[in-house]
C-alpha atoms as a PDB file:
ATOM      1  CA  MET A   1      90.082 103.095 109.268  1.00  0.00           C
ATOM      2  CA  ARG A   2      92.720 101.680 111.564  1.00  0.00           C
ATOM      3  CA  PHE A   3      92.481 100.988 115.252  1.00  0.00           C
ATOM      4  CA  LYS A   4      94.646  99.766 118.104  1.00  0.00           C
ATOM      5  CA  LEU A   5      92.873  97.335 120.411  1.00  0.00           C
ATOM      6  CA  ILE A   6      94.110  96.654 123.931  1.00  0.00           C
ATOM      7  CA  PHE A   7      93.051  93.382 125.550  1.00  0.00           C
ATOM      8  CA  ASN A   8      93.464  92.124 129.079  1.00  0.00           C
ATOM      9  CA  VAL A   9      94.679  88.546 129.485  1.00  0.00           C
ATOM     10  CA  LYS A  10      95.362  86.436 132.521  1.00  0.00           C
ATOM     11  CA  LYS A  11      98.941  86.919 133.638  1.00  0.00           C
ATOM     12  CA  GLY A  12     100.940  83.752 133.082  1.00  0.00           C
ATOM     13  CA  VAL A  13      98.737  82.470 130.251  1.00  0.00           C
ATOM     14  CA  ILE A  14     100.543  80.646 127.450  1.00  0.00           C
ATOM     15  CA  ILE A  15      99.422  81.757 123.992  1.00  0.00           C
ATOM     16  CA  PRO A  16     100.072  79.081 121.350  1.00  0.00           C
ATOM     17  CA  PHE A  17     102.338  79.882 118.415  1.00  0.00           C
ATOM     18  CA  ASN A  18      99.642  78.879 115.926  1.00  0.00           C
ATOM     19  CA  TYR A  19      96.639  80.973 116.960  1.00  0.00           C
ATOM     20  CA  HIS A  20      95.720  82.615 113.628  1.00  0.00           C
ATOM     21  CA  TYR A  21      92.799  80.356 112.756  1.00  0.00           C
ATOM     22  CA  GLU A  22      91.243  80.491 116.217  1.00  0.00           C
ATOM     23  CA  LEU A  23      91.700  84.258 116.606  1.00  0.00           C
ATOM     24  CA  GLY A  24      90.394  84.849 113.086  1.00  0.00           C
ATOM     25  CA  SER A  25      87.348  82.688 113.815  1.00  0.00           C
ATOM     26  CA  ALA A  26      86.590  84.652 116.986  1.00  0.00           C
ATOM     27  CA  LEU A  27      86.958  88.006 115.213  1.00  0.00           C
ATOM     28  CA  TYR A  28      84.825  86.770 112.308  1.00  0.00           C
ATOM     29  CA  LYS A  29      81.759  86.997 114.572  1.00  0.00           C
ATOM     30  CA  VAL A  30      82.654  90.600 115.380  1.00  0.00           C
ATOM     31  CA  PHE A  31      83.151  91.430 111.700  1.00  0.00           C
ATOM     32  CA  MET A  32      79.784  89.929 110.763  1.00  0.00           C
ATOM     33  CA  TYR A  33      78.029  91.939 113.490  1.00  0.00           C
ATOM     34  CA  ILE A  34      79.641  95.087 112.094  1.00  0.00           C
ATOM     35  CA  LYS A  35      78.503  94.219 108.571  1.00  0.00           C
ATOM     36  CA  LYS A  36      74.958  93.467 109.743  1.00  0.00           C
ATOM     37  CA  ASN A  37      74.700  96.812 111.518  1.00  0.00           C
ATOM     38  CA  SER A  38      76.202  99.015 108.805  1.00  0.00           C
ATOM     39  CA  LYS A  39      75.312 100.091 105.291  1.00  0.00           C
ATOM     40  CA  TYR A  40      77.360  97.139 104.008  1.00  0.00           C
ATOM     41  CA  LEU A  41      74.675  94.613 104.987  1.00  0.00           C
ATOM     42  CA  GLY A  42      73.950  93.823 101.323  1.00  0.00           C
ATOM     43  CA  MET A  43      77.601  93.347 100.427  1.00  0.00           C
ATOM     44  CA  ASP A  44      78.835  89.832  99.741  1.00  0.00           C
ATOM     45  CA  ASN A  45      80.468  88.393 102.870  1.00  0.00           C
ATOM     46  CA  THR A  46      83.659  87.411 101.058  1.00  0.00           C
ATOM     47  CA  GLN A  47      84.034  90.842  99.494  1.00  0.00           C
ATOM     48  CA  PHE A  48      83.435  92.519 102.860  1.00  0.00           C
ATOM     49  CA  LEU A  49      86.096  90.358 104.525  1.00  0.00           C
ATOM     50  CA  ASN A  50      88.534  91.085 101.684  1.00  0.00           C
ATOM     51  CA  HIS A  51      88.843  94.593 103.107  1.00  0.00           C
ATOM     52  CA  ILE A  52      89.662  93.714 106.690  1.00  0.00           C
ATOM     53  CA  THR A  53      93.082  92.849 108.057  1.00  0.00           C
ATOM     54  CA  PHE A  54      94.744  92.660 111.439  1.00  0.00           C
ATOM     55  CA  SER A  55      98.195  92.255 112.923  1.00  0.00           C
ATOM     56  CA  ARG A  56      99.748  89.481 114.920  1.00  0.00           C
ATOM     57  CA  LEU A  57      99.198  89.803 118.653  1.00  0.00           C
ATOM     58  CA  GLU A  58     101.704  92.115 120.278  1.00  0.00           C
ATOM     59  CA  ILE A  59     102.736  90.725 123.663  1.00  0.00           C
ATOM     60  CA  PRO A  60     105.054  93.335 125.241  1.00  0.00           C
ATOM     61  CA  GLN A  61     106.051  91.269 128.264  1.00  0.00           C
ATOM     62  CA  ARG A  62     106.687  87.725 127.134  1.00  0.00           C
ATOM     63  CA  GLU A  63     108.848  84.667 127.360  1.00  0.00           C
ATOM     64  CA  ILE A  64     109.172  82.122 124.577  1.00  0.00           C
ATOM     65  CA  ARG A  65     108.465  78.571 125.734  1.00  0.00           C
ATOM     66  CA  LYS A  66     108.413  75.271 123.872  1.00  0.00           C
ATOM     67  CA  ASP A  67     104.625  75.188 123.974  1.00  0.00           C
ATOM     68  CA  GLY A  68     103.956  78.836 123.178  1.00  0.00           C
ATOM     69  CA  ILE A  69     104.402  82.437 124.331  1.00  0.00           C
ATOM     70  CA  LEU A  70     104.144  83.052 128.061  1.00  0.00           C
ATOM     71  CA  SER A  71     102.524  86.422 128.797  1.00  0.00           C
ATOM     72  CA  LEU A  72     104.338  87.988 131.759  1.00  0.00           C
ATOM     73  CA  GLY A  73     101.948  90.940 131.807  1.00  0.00           C
ATOM     74  CA  CYS A  74      98.204  91.470 131.636  1.00  0.00           C
ATOM     75  CA  ASN A  75      97.902  93.335 128.331  1.00  0.00           C
ATOM     76  CA  VAL A  76      98.207  92.324 124.685  1.00  0.00           C
ATOM     77  CA  PHE A  77      97.641  94.509 121.653  1.00  0.00           C
ATOM     78  CA  LEU A  78      96.174  94.090 118.205  1.00  0.00           C
ATOM     79  CA  LYS A  79      96.002  96.456 115.258  1.00  0.00           C
ATOM     80  CA  LEU A  80      92.869  96.212 113.144  1.00  0.00           C
ATOM     81  CA  SER A  81      92.072  97.785 109.790  1.00  0.00           C
ATOM     82  CA  LEU A  82      88.681  98.002 108.084  1.00  0.00           C
ATOM     83  CA  ASN A  83      88.693  99.748 104.706  1.00  0.00           C
ATOM     84  CA  PHE A  84      85.300 101.330 105.315  1.00  0.00           C
ATOM     85  CA  PRO A  85      85.691 105.006 106.307  1.00  0.00           C
ATOM     86  CA  ASP A  86      82.301 105.265 108.030  1.00  0.00           C
ATOM     87  CA  ILE A  87      82.977 102.379 110.452  1.00  0.00           C
ATOM     88  CA  GLY A  88      84.364 103.927 113.616  1.00  0.00           C
ATOM     89  CA  THR A  89      85.063 103.171 117.241  1.00  0.00           C
ATOM     90  CA  ASP A  90      81.390 103.379 118.282  1.00  0.00           C
ATOM     91  CA  LEU A  91      80.359 100.478 116.060  1.00  0.00           C
ATOM     92  CA  LEU A  92      83.457  98.520 117.062  1.00  0.00           C
ATOM     93  CA  TRP A  93      82.563  98.872 120.741  1.00  0.00           C
ATOM     94  CA  LYS A  94      78.972  97.799 120.024  1.00  0.00           C
ATOM     95  CA  ALA A  95      80.203  94.743 118.143  1.00  0.00           C
ATOM     96  CA  PHE A  96      82.494  93.630 120.964  1.00  0.00           C
ATOM     97  CA  LEU A  97      79.825  94.403 123.571  1.00  0.00           C
ATOM     98  CA  LYS A  98      77.584  91.902 121.772  1.00  0.00           C
ATOM     99  CA  PHE A  99      80.121  89.283 122.914  1.00  0.00           C
ATOM    100  CA  ASN A 100      80.638  90.755 126.405  1.00  0.00           C
ATOM    101  CA  ASN A 101      83.806  92.535 125.210  1.00  0.00           C
ATOM    102  CA  THR A 102      85.472  89.123 125.121  1.00  0.00           C
ATOM    103  CA  ILE A 103      86.928  86.977 122.378  1.00  0.00           C
ATOM    104  CA  GLN A 104      88.412  83.535 122.906  1.00  0.00           C
ATOM    105  CA  ILE A 105      91.265  81.626 121.349  1.00  0.00           C
ATOM    106  CA  VAL A 106      89.909  78.090 121.561  1.00  0.00           C
ATOM    107  CA  LYS A 107      92.329  75.254 120.837  1.00  0.00           C
ATOM    108  CA  LYS A 108      90.658  71.869 120.441  1.00  0.00           C
ATOM    109  CA  THR A 109      92.530  68.599 120.370  1.00  0.00           C
ATOM    110  CA  ASP A 110      91.510  64.984 120.842  1.00  0.00           C
ATOM    111  CA  GLU A 111      92.648  65.240 124.453  1.00  0.00           C
ATOM    112  CA  GLU A 112      91.419  68.624 125.684  1.00  0.00           C
ATOM    113  CA  ILE A 113      89.964  72.056 124.957  1.00  0.00           C
ATOM    114  CA  LYS A 114      91.989  75.114 125.931  1.00  0.00           C
ATOM    115  CA  LYS A 115      90.382  78.561 126.066  1.00  0.00           C
ATOM    116  CA  ILE A 116      92.277  81.831 126.293  1.00  0.00           C
ATOM    117  CA  GLU A 117      90.126  84.877 126.971  1.00  0.00           C
ATOM    118  CA  LEU A 118      90.994  88.296 125.584  1.00  0.00           C
ATOM    119  CA  ILE A 119      88.929  91.015 127.281  1.00  0.00           C
ATOM    120  CA  LEU A 120      88.727  94.290 125.392  1.00  0.00           C
ATOM    121  CA  LYS A 121      89.872  97.281 127.445  1.00  0.00           C
ATOM    122  CA  ASP A 122      90.417 100.079 124.949  1.00  0.00           C
ATOM    123  CA  ILE A 123      90.064 101.040 121.281  1.00  0.00           C
ATOM    124  CA  SER A 124      91.994 103.954 119.832  1.00  0.00           C
ATOM    125  CA  PHE A 125      92.042 105.403 116.336  1.00  0.00           C
ATOM    126  CA  CYS A 126      95.322 105.237 114.385  1.00  0.00           C
ATOM    127  CA  ASN A 127      96.349 108.164 112.219  1.00  0.00           C
ATOM    128  CA  SER A 128      97.166 107.442 108.591  1.00  0.00           C
ATOM    129  CA  PRO A 129     100.540 108.125 106.978  1.00  0.00           C
ATOM    130  CA  GLU A 130     101.041 110.457 104.043  1.00  0.00           C
ATOM    131  CA  PHE A 131     100.527 108.309 100.971  1.00  0.00           C
ATOM    132  CA  LYS A 132     102.945 108.537  98.065  1.00  0.00           C
ATOM    133  CA  GLU A 133     103.624 106.527  94.895  1.00  0.00           C
ATOM    134  CA  ASN A 134     106.735 105.013  96.468  1.00  0.00           C
ATOM    135  CA  MET A 135     106.509 103.704 100.039  1.00  0.00           C
ATOM    136  CA  LYS A 136     108.382 101.319 102.333  1.00  0.00           C
ATOM    137  CA  PHE A 137     106.444  98.879 104.491  1.00  0.00           C
ATOM    138  CA  LYS A 138     107.086  96.475 107.352  1.00  0.00           C
ATOM    139  CA  MET A 139     104.885  93.391 107.787  1.00  0.00           C
ATOM    140  CA  LEU A 140     102.680  93.313 110.895  1.00  0.00           C
ATOM    141  CA  SER A 141     101.331  89.958 109.758  1.00  0.00           C
ATOM    142  CA  PRO A 142     102.652  87.665 107.002  1.00  0.00           C
ATOM    143  CA  LEU A 143     102.011  88.388 103.322  1.00  0.00           C
ATOM    144  CA  VAL A 144     100.308  85.467 101.575  1.00  0.00           C
ATOM    145  CA  ILE A 145     100.300  85.059  97.787  1.00  0.00           C
ATOM    146  CA  THR A 146      99.295  81.789  96.103  1.00  0.00           C
ATOM    147  CA  LYS A 147      99.256  80.346  92.595  1.00  0.00           C
ATOM    148  CA  LYS A 148      96.156  78.556  91.340  1.00  0.00           C
ATOM    149  CA  ASP A 149      96.620  74.949  90.259  1.00  0.00           C
ATOM    150  CA  GLU A 150     100.405  75.218  90.453  1.00  0.00           C
ATOM    151  CA  LYS A 151     103.042  73.814  92.760  1.00  0.00           C
ATOM    152  CA  PRO A 152     104.527  75.032  94.963  1.00  0.00           C
ATOM    153  CA  LYS A 153     101.297  76.764  95.919  1.00  0.00           C
ATOM    154  CA  TYR A 154     102.787  79.650  97.867  1.00  0.00           C
ATOM    155  CA  VAL A 155     104.850  82.267  96.036  1.00  0.00           C
ATOM    156  CA  SER A 156     108.252  83.068  97.534  1.00  0.00           C
ATOM    157  CA  ILE A 157     110.403  86.178  97.406  1.00  0.00           C
ATOM    158  CA  LYS A 158     112.649  84.470  94.842  1.00  0.00           C
ATOM    159  CA  ASN A 159     109.787  84.298  92.340  1.00  0.00           C
ATOM    160  CA  LYS A 160     109.515  88.071  92.174  1.00  0.00           C
ATOM    161  CA  ASP A 161     107.865  88.369  88.748  1.00  0.00           C
ATOM    162  CA  LYS A 162     105.046  85.982  89.665  1.00  0.00           C
ATOM    163  CA  LEU A 163     104.600  87.579  93.068  1.00  0.00           C
ATOM    164  CA  LYS A 164     104.470  91.040  91.488  1.00  0.00           C
ATOM    165  CA  GLU A 165     101.873  89.889  88.944  1.00  0.00           C
ATOM    166  CA  LEU A 166      99.620  88.201  91.506  1.00  0.00           C
ATOM    167  CA  LEU A 167      99.878  91.007  94.061  1.00  0.00           C
ATOM    168  CA  LYS A 168      98.982  93.552  91.399  1.00  0.00           C
ATOM    169  CA  ASP A 169      95.939  91.482  90.374  1.00  0.00           C
ATOM    170  CA  ASN A 170      94.919  91.128  94.026  1.00  0.00           C
ATOM    171  CA  LEU A 171      95.012  94.884  94.608  1.00  0.00           C
ATOM    172  CA  LEU A 172      93.200  95.650  91.341  1.00  0.00           C
ATOM    173  CA  LYS A 173      90.401  93.271  92.344  1.00  0.00           C
ATOM    174  CA  LYS A 174      90.082  94.879  95.757  1.00  0.00           C
ATOM    175  CA  PHE A 175      89.998  98.353  94.222  1.00  0.00           C
ATOM    176  CA  GLU A 176      87.189  97.326  91.881  1.00  0.00           C
ATOM    177  CA  GLU A 177      85.226  95.748  94.752  1.00  0.00           C
ATOM    178  CA  LEU A 178      85.451  98.955  96.768  1.00  0.00           C
ATOM    179  CA  TYR A 179      84.824 101.541  94.085  1.00  0.00           C
ATOM    180  CA  GLY A 180      82.904  99.666  91.386  1.00  0.00           C
ATOM    181  CA  LYS A 181      85.344 100.645  88.660  1.00  0.00           C
ATOM    182  CA  LYS A 182      88.659  99.566  87.219  1.00  0.00           C
ATOM    183  CA  ILE A 183      91.929 101.463  87.458  1.00  0.00           C
ATOM    184  CA  GLU A 184      94.804 101.286  85.007  1.00  0.00           C
ATOM    185  CA  ILE A 185      98.264 100.767  86.473  1.00  0.00           C
ATOM    186  CA  ASN A 186     101.264 101.691  84.367  1.00  0.00           C
ATOM    187  CA  ASN A 187     103.762 101.794  87.209  1.00  0.00           C
ATOM    188  CA  PHE A 188     103.844  98.865  89.635  1.00  0.00           C
ATOM    189  CA  ASP A 189     106.892  97.291  91.232  1.00  0.00           C
ATOM    190  CA  ILE A 190     107.863  95.627  94.488  1.00  0.00           C
ATOM    191  CA  GLU A 191     111.341  95.214  95.980  1.00  0.00           C
ATOM    192  CA  PHE A 192     112.019  93.344  99.195  1.00  0.00           C
ATOM    193  CA  ASP A 193     114.570  94.876 101.567  1.00  0.00           C
ATOM    194  CA  GLU A 194     117.891  93.475 100.341  1.00  0.00           C
ATOM    195  CA  ASN A 195     119.804  94.147 103.571  1.00  0.00           C
ATOM    196  CA  TYR A 196     117.067  92.542 105.645  1.00  0.00           C
ATOM    197  CA  CYS A 197     117.020  89.443 103.439  1.00  0.00           C
ATOM    198  CA  LYS A 198     120.805  89.057 103.348  1.00  0.00           C
ATOM    199  CA  SER A 199     121.177  89.393 107.124  1.00  0.00           C
ATOM    200  CA  ARG A 200     118.793  86.505 107.868  1.00  0.00           C
ATOM    201  CA  ASP A 201     118.525  82.820 107.114  1.00  0.00           C
ATOM    202  CA  GLU A 202     116.024  82.151 104.351  1.00  0.00           C
ATOM    203  CA  LYS A 203     113.648  80.362 106.709  1.00  0.00           C
ATOM    204  CA  ASP A 204     113.435  83.537 108.838  1.00  0.00           C
ATOM    205  CA  LEU A 205     112.005  85.476 105.900  1.00  0.00           C
ATOM    206  CA  TYR A 206     108.817  83.430 106.116  1.00  0.00           C
ATOM    207  CA  SER A 207     106.280  82.267 108.656  1.00  0.00           C
ATOM    208  CA  LEU A 208     104.754  78.795 108.319  1.00  0.00           C
ATOM    209  CA  ILE A 209     101.522  78.742 110.296  1.00  0.00           C
ATOM    210  CA  THR A 210      99.473  75.688 111.154  1.00  0.00           C
ATOM    211  CA  MET A 211      95.752  76.392 110.851  1.00  0.00           C
ATOM    212  CA  LYS A 212      93.228  74.230 112.730  1.00  0.00           C
ATOM    213  CA  GLU A 213      96.136  72.797 114.698  1.00  0.00           C
ATOM    214  CA  GLY A 214      95.311  69.710 116.728  1.00  0.00           C
ATOM    215  CA  THR A 215      92.303  68.772 114.583  1.00  0.00           C
ATOM    216  CA  LYS A 216      91.910  66.021 112.005  1.00  0.00           C
ATOM    217  CA  GLU A 217      92.007  68.593 109.181  1.00  0.00           C
ATOM    218  CA  PRO A 218      95.003  70.871 109.723  1.00  0.00           C
ATOM    219  CA  PHE A 219      96.410  72.929 106.879  1.00  0.00           C
ATOM    220  CA  TRP A 220      99.399  75.189 106.512  1.00  0.00           C
ATOM    221  CA  VAL A 221      99.838  78.763 105.337  1.00  0.00           C
ATOM    222  CA  LEU A 222     103.200  80.196 104.288  1.00  0.00           C
ATOM    223  CA  GLY A 223     103.602  83.956 104.527  1.00  0.00           C
ATOM    224  CA  ILE A 224     106.390  86.441 103.830  1.00  0.00           C
ATOM    225  CA  LEU A 225     107.762  88.544 106.692  1.00  0.00           C
ATOM    226  CA  ALA A 226     110.347  90.657 104.839  1.00  0.00           C
ATOM    227  CA  PRO A 227     109.833  94.443 104.530  1.00  0.00           C
ATOM    228  CA  PHE A 228     109.273  95.758 101.022  1.00  0.00           C
ATOM    229  CA  GLU A 229     109.173  98.902  98.933  1.00  0.00           C
ATOM    230  CA  LEU A 230     106.168  99.361  96.672  1.00  0.00           C
ATOM    231  CA  LYS A 231     105.845 101.619  93.649  1.00  0.00           C
ATOM    232  CA  ALA A 232     102.235 102.083  92.546  1.00  0.00           C
ATOM    233  CA  PRO A 233      99.500 104.716  92.234  1.00  0.00           C
ATOM    234  CA  THR A 234      98.543 106.111  95.645  1.00  0.00           C
ATOM    235  CA  GLU A 235      94.992 104.802  95.241  1.00  0.00           C
ATOM    236  CA  ILE A 236      96.327 101.249  94.986  1.00  0.00           C
ATOM    237  CA  ILE A 237      98.743 101.678  97.884  1.00  0.00           C
ATOM    238  CA  LYS A 238      95.865 102.915 100.055  1.00  0.00           C
ATOM    239  CA  VAL A 239      93.864  99.804  99.221  1.00  0.00           C
ATOM    240  CA  GLY A 240      96.737  97.582 100.304  1.00  0.00           C
ATOM    241  CA  TYR A 241      97.337  99.605 103.457  1.00  0.00           C
ATOM    242  CA  PHE A 242      93.739  99.562 104.665  1.00  0.00           C
ATOM    243  CA  SER A 243      92.408  96.297 103.146  1.00  0.00           C
ATOM    244  CA  GLY A 244      95.613  94.319 103.533  1.00  0.00           C
ATOM    245  CA  PHE A 245      98.103  93.085 100.949  1.00  0.00           C
ATOM    246  CA  GLY A 246      97.557  89.653  99.457  1.00  0.00           C
ATOM    247  CA  GLU A 247      95.212  86.891 100.542  1.00  0.00           C
ATOM    248  CA  LYS A 248      93.519  85.686 103.742  1.00  0.00           C
ATOM    249  CA  THR A 249      93.652  89.176 105.204  1.00  0.00           C
ATOM    250  CA  SER A 250      90.617  88.766 107.472  1.00  0.00           C
ATOM    251  CA  MET A 251      92.356  85.768 109.056  1.00  0.00           C
ATOM    252  CA  GLY A 252      95.227  87.984 110.153  1.00  0.00           C
ATOM    253  CA  PHE A 253      97.508  88.176 107.131  1.00  0.00           C
ATOM    254  CA  GLY A 254      98.876  90.976 104.957  1.00  0.00           C
ATOM    255  CA  MET A 255      98.835  93.905 107.387  1.00  0.00           C
ATOM    256  CA  VAL A 256     101.632  96.459 107.088  1.00  0.00           C
ATOM    257  CA  GLU A 257     102.822  99.694 108.599  1.00  0.00           C
ATOM    258  CA  THR A 258     105.200 102.187 107.069  1.00  0.00           C
ATOM    259  CA  VAL A 259     108.803 102.182 108.197  1.00  0.00           C
ATOM    260  CA  LYS A 260     108.223 105.742 109.460  1.00  0.00           C
ATOM    261  CA  GLU A 261     105.265 104.585 111.598  1.00  0.00           C
ATOM    262  CA  ASN A 262     107.389 101.850 113.105  1.00  0.00           C
ATOM    263  CA  ASN A 263     110.166 104.301 113.978  1.00  0.00           C
ATOM    264  CA  GLU A 264     107.711 106.701 115.599  1.00  0.00           C
ATOM    265  CA  GLU A 265     106.392 103.963 117.851  1.00  0.00           C
END
């Protein structure tokens, strides 16, 4: 199930560029309330979170500053996906109400603590696209794929074969977690948009995000922003669409929309 969340923010607030960790931490409490009050209570926390993803914040009226994004309006938007068909808007509202319909982006440094409040105003259900075995997607939040015990850790577009292998394994694992069975894939391929990649500097194809920024233990996550075309069984494509593609999805990575959806909006 996919939803569009509308939040009210204070006009003139500056939202930091690196907010993923703090926003993900705030939403984690909401996700755990949902799990506790659904039939998924007995599910392993990690497995439950593997099937949640959300977009970057959409700030319609904004101005880019050196220290962040200045919100010129009072509303920001977020798209949220939970790959659990029986979790709907009612439970989402109850979960947010538990926290007074408010989540905070809290940035802590040695010098100060900054809090940005996002007050939930509306939740709407998003219709699903028609799923096919060949679909084109745009990233709503960066795609993260990593190699275990290898350097460089993060897989780039240039290393297509490795990325294809690891993404396929990631989706197969998620499918098995959801349905308790394995699925055989004979047709699986990914192609990043060649025109998009050629028209941009290489650095603009990725997003390097600082997590736990301002603390003594920061770390960095590199994600891919380029649109891609995926060929795979529809069951696997659905898993990626609703659970998120790749890793760290519940921290705001790996969410997509179809190119058609983007054009309609």
